[in-house]
């Protein structure tokens, strides 16, 4: 879970081309979107690569800017549902069911990257 706050803070990519708002995205939809990534070998590989890249970037604004296209590519691979879940969780109040579902599902996803 240690990467989760960094990942959320590092979401410098404008991912909401789907125009989904947190209020429209249920906690179940967020969980399902993240579980779908977790259960798809190609998407899991893309997510783990994206998480590693974000760790590498850290707080370096220049590195973040330089990696923007790469991160965008990962989001495209992860799909519109994942993008909507990510974006919806960013917009959701911290203690909302959406935010809690996102945190729980992302923790499980992160565990798969560490294996």
C-alpha atoms as a PDB file:
ATOM      1  CA  UNK A   1       0.000   0.000   0.000  1.00  0.00           C
ATOM      2  CA  UNK A   2       2.973   2.314   0.291  1.00  0.00           C
ATOM      3  CA  UNK A   3       2.869   3.082  -3.429  1.00  0.00           C
ATOM      4  CA  UNK A   4      -0.805   4.005  -3.412  1.00  0.00           C
ATOM      5  CA  UNK A   5      -0.509   7.583  -2.107  1.00  0.00           C
ATOM      6  CA  UNK A   6       2.424   8.176  -4.473  1.00  0.00           C
ATOM      7  CA  UNK A   7       0.489   6.766  -7.399  1.00  0.00           C
ATOM      8  CA  UNK A   8      -2.483   8.968  -6.682  1.00  0.00           C
ATOM      9  CA  UNK A   9      -0.285  12.022  -6.186  1.00  0.00           C
ATOM     10  CA  UNK A  10       1.667  11.180  -9.344  1.00  0.00           C
ATOM     11  CA  UNK A  11      -1.386  10.955 -11.543  1.00  0.00           C
ATOM     12  CA  UNK A  12      -0.142  13.844 -13.632  1.00  0.00           C
ATOM     13  CA  UNK A  13      -1.750  12.352 -16.708  1.00  0.00           C
ATOM     14  CA  UNK A  14      -5.136  13.731 -17.681  1.00  0.00           C
ATOM     15  CA  UNK A  15      -6.944  10.421 -17.934  1.00  0.00           C
ATOM     16  CA  UNK A  16     -10.563  11.426 -17.953  1.00  0.00           C
ATOM     17  CA  UNK A  17     -11.342  11.487 -21.647  1.00  0.00           C
ATOM     18  CA  UNK A  18     -14.302   9.313 -20.687  1.00  0.00           C
ATOM     19  CA  UNK A  19     -15.801  12.190 -18.682  1.00  0.00           C
ATOM     20  CA  UNK A  20     -16.892   9.942 -15.836  1.00  0.00           C
ATOM     21  CA  UNK A  21     -17.453  11.672 -12.533  1.00  0.00           C
ATOM     22  CA  UNK A  22     -16.988  10.045  -9.151  1.00  0.00           C
ATOM     23  CA  UNK A  23     -20.668  10.351  -8.345  1.00  0.00           C
ATOM     24  CA  UNK A  24     -21.532   8.332 -11.456  1.00  0.00           C
ATOM     25  CA  UNK A  25     -18.980   5.594 -10.738  1.00  0.00           C
ATOM     26  CA  UNK A  26     -19.981   3.108  -8.055  1.00  0.00           C
ATOM     27  CA  UNK A  27     -17.577   1.439  -5.671  1.00  0.00           C
ATOM     28  CA  UNK A  28     -18.473  -1.887  -7.324  1.00  0.00           C
ATOM     29  CA  UNK A  29     -17.598  -0.509 -10.773  1.00  0.00           C
ATOM     30  CA  UNK A  30     -14.244   0.737  -9.492  1.00  0.00           C
ATOM     31  CA  UNK A  31     -13.482  -2.618  -7.879  1.00  0.00           C
ATOM     32  CA  UNK A  32     -14.468  -4.522 -11.019  1.00  0.00           C
ATOM     33  CA  UNK A  33     -12.353  -2.333 -13.302  1.00  0.00           C
ATOM     34  CA  UNK A  34      -9.271  -2.857 -11.158  1.00  0.00           C
ATOM     35  CA  UNK A  35      -9.934  -6.573 -10.728  1.00  0.00           C
ATOM     36  CA  UNK A  36     -10.214  -6.864 -14.514  1.00  0.00           C
ATOM     37  CA  UNK A  37      -6.677  -5.465 -14.814  1.00  0.00           C
ATOM     38  CA  UNK A  38      -5.502  -7.823 -12.101  1.00  0.00           C
ATOM     39  CA  UNK A  39      -6.959 -10.835 -13.943  1.00  0.00           C
ATOM     40  CA  UNK A  40      -5.610  -9.974 -17.413  1.00  0.00           C
ATOM     41  CA  UNK A  41      -1.931 -10.901 -17.839  1.00  0.00           C
ATOM     42  CA  UNK A  42      -1.224  -8.173 -20.421  1.00  0.00           C
ATOM     43  CA  UNK A  43      -2.958  -5.456 -18.433  1.00  0.00           C
ATOM     44  CA  UNK A  44      -1.300  -6.586 -15.215  1.00  0.00           C
ATOM     45  CA  UNK A  45       2.098  -6.386 -16.906  1.00  0.00           C
ATOM     46  CA  UNK A  46       1.275  -2.874 -18.179  1.00  0.00           C
ATOM     47  CA  UNK A  47       0.077  -1.719 -14.764  1.00  0.00           C
ATOM     48  CA  UNK A  48       3.164  -3.077 -13.001  1.00  0.00           C
ATOM     49  CA  UNK A  49       5.403  -1.368 -15.573  1.00  0.00           C
ATOM     50  CA  UNK A  50       3.498   1.894 -15.073  1.00  0.00           C
ATOM     51  CA  UNK A  51       3.803   1.630 -11.279  1.00  0.00           C
ATOM     52  CA  UNK A  52       7.537   0.978 -11.598  1.00  0.00           C
ATOM     53  CA  UNK A  53       7.895   3.986 -13.896  1.00  0.00           C
ATOM     54  CA  UNK A  54       5.997   6.191 -11.454  1.00  0.00           C
ATOM     55  CA  UNK A  55       8.267   4.992  -8.637  1.00  0.00           C
ATOM     56  CA  UNK A  56      11.281   5.815 -10.796  1.00  0.00           C
ATOM     57  CA  UNK A  57       9.931   9.299 -11.498  1.00  0.00           C
ATOM     58  CA  UNK A  58       9.121  10.066  -7.882  1.00  0.00           C
ATOM     59  CA  UNK A  59       8.747  13.823  -7.390  1.00  0.00           C
ATOM     60  CA  UNK A  60      10.900  14.793 -10.382  1.00  0.00           C
ATOM     61  CA  UNK A  61       8.723  17.132 -12.460  1.00  0.00           C
ATOM     62  CA  UNK A  62      11.045  16.995 -15.467  1.00  0.00           C
ATOM     63  CA  UNK A  63      11.064  13.201 -15.455  1.00  0.00           C
ATOM     64  CA  UNK A  64       7.270  13.193 -15.096  1.00  0.00           C
ATOM     65  CA  UNK A  65       6.894  15.476 -18.080  1.00  0.00           C
ATOM     66  CA  UNK A  66       9.308  13.370 -20.134  1.00  0.00           C
ATOM     67  CA  UNK A  67       7.428  10.170 -19.262  1.00  0.00           C
ATOM     68  CA  UNK A  68       3.978  11.587 -20.033  1.00  0.00           C
ATOM     69  CA  UNK A  69       3.548   9.767 -23.349  1.00  0.00           C
ATOM     70  CA  UNK A  70       4.762   6.510 -21.837  1.00  0.00           C
ATOM     71  CA  UNK A  71       2.290   6.795 -18.948  1.00  0.00           C
ATOM     72  CA  UNK A  72      -0.498   7.681 -21.400  1.00  0.00           C
ATOM     73  CA  UNK A  73       0.348   4.499 -23.311  1.00  0.00           C
ATOM     74  CA  UNK A  74       0.007   2.418 -20.161  1.00  0.00           C
ATOM     75  CA  UNK A  75      -3.397   3.936 -19.447  1.00  0.00           C
ATOM     76  CA  UNK A  76      -4.517   3.119 -22.999  1.00  0.00           C
ATOM     77  CA  UNK A  77      -3.437  -0.487 -22.494  1.00  0.00           C
ATOM     78  CA  UNK A  78      -5.246  -0.631 -19.168  1.00  0.00           C
ATOM     79  CA  UNK A  79      -8.465   0.493 -20.843  1.00  0.00           C
ATOM     80  CA  UNK A  80     -11.247   2.986 -20.433  1.00  0.00           C
ATOM     81  CA  UNK A  81     -12.778   1.265 -17.395  1.00  0.00           C
ATOM     82  CA  UNK A  82      -9.497   1.456 -15.488  1.00  0.00           C
ATOM     83  CA  UNK A  83      -9.036   5.089 -16.537  1.00  0.00           C
ATOM     84  CA  UNK A  84     -12.545   5.874 -15.322  1.00  0.00           C
ATOM     85  CA  UNK A  85     -11.908   4.111 -11.998  1.00  0.00           C
ATOM     86  CA  UNK A  86      -8.591   5.956 -11.558  1.00  0.00           C
ATOM     87  CA  UNK A  87     -10.123   9.307 -12.431  1.00  0.00           C
ATOM     88  CA  UNK A  88     -13.260   8.685 -10.380  1.00  0.00           C
ATOM     89  CA  UNK A  89     -11.188   7.810  -7.348  1.00  0.00           C
ATOM     90  CA  UNK A  90      -9.165  11.011  -7.778  1.00  0.00           C
ATOM     91  CA  UNK A  91     -12.364  13.046  -7.681  1.00  0.00           C
ATOM     92  CA  UNK A  92     -14.057  11.108  -4.871  1.00  0.00           C
ATOM     93  CA  UNK A  93     -14.028  12.396  -1.309  1.00  0.00           C
ATOM     94  CA  UNK A  94     -11.377  10.604   0.774  1.00  0.00           C
ATOM     95  CA  UNK A  95     -13.821   8.673   2.974  1.00  0.00           C
ATOM     96  CA  UNK A  96     -16.289   7.849   0.202  1.00  0.00           C
ATOM     97  CA  UNK A  97     -17.171   4.288  -0.791  1.00  0.00           C
ATOM     98  CA  UNK A  98     -15.486   4.948  -4.161  1.00  0.00           C
ATOM     99  CA  UNK A  99     -12.201   6.004  -2.567  1.00  0.00           C
ATOM    100  CA  UNK A 100     -12.245   3.071  -0.168  1.00  0.00           C
ATOM    101  CA  UNK A 101     -13.013   0.608  -2.984  1.00  0.00           C
ATOM    102  CA  UNK A 102     -10.182   2.079  -5.052  1.00  0.00           C
ATOM    103  CA  UNK A 103      -7.700   1.809  -2.187  1.00  0.00           C
ATOM    104  CA  UNK A 104      -8.663  -1.781  -1.396  1.00  0.00           C
ATOM    105  CA  UNK A 105      -8.572  -2.925  -5.018  1.00  0.00           C
ATOM    106  CA  UNK A 106      -5.300  -1.114  -5.719  1.00  0.00           C
ATOM    107  CA  UNK A 107      -3.678  -2.708  -2.673  1.00  0.00           C
ATOM    108  CA  UNK A 108      -4.528  -6.152  -4.069  1.00  0.00           C
ATOM    109  CA  UNK A 109      -3.302  -5.132  -7.526  1.00  0.00           C
ATOM    110  CA  UNK A 110      -0.016  -3.843  -6.082  1.00  0.00           C
ATOM    111  CA  UNK A 111       0.497  -7.157  -4.298  1.00  0.00           C
ATOM    112  CA  UNK A 112       0.349  -8.944  -7.652  1.00  0.00           C
ATOM    113  CA  UNK A 113       3.110  -6.687  -9.011  1.00  0.00           C
ATOM    114  CA  UNK A 114       5.375  -7.628  -6.129  1.00  0.00           C
ATOM    115  CA  UNK A 115       5.204 -11.365  -6.903  1.00  0.00           C
END
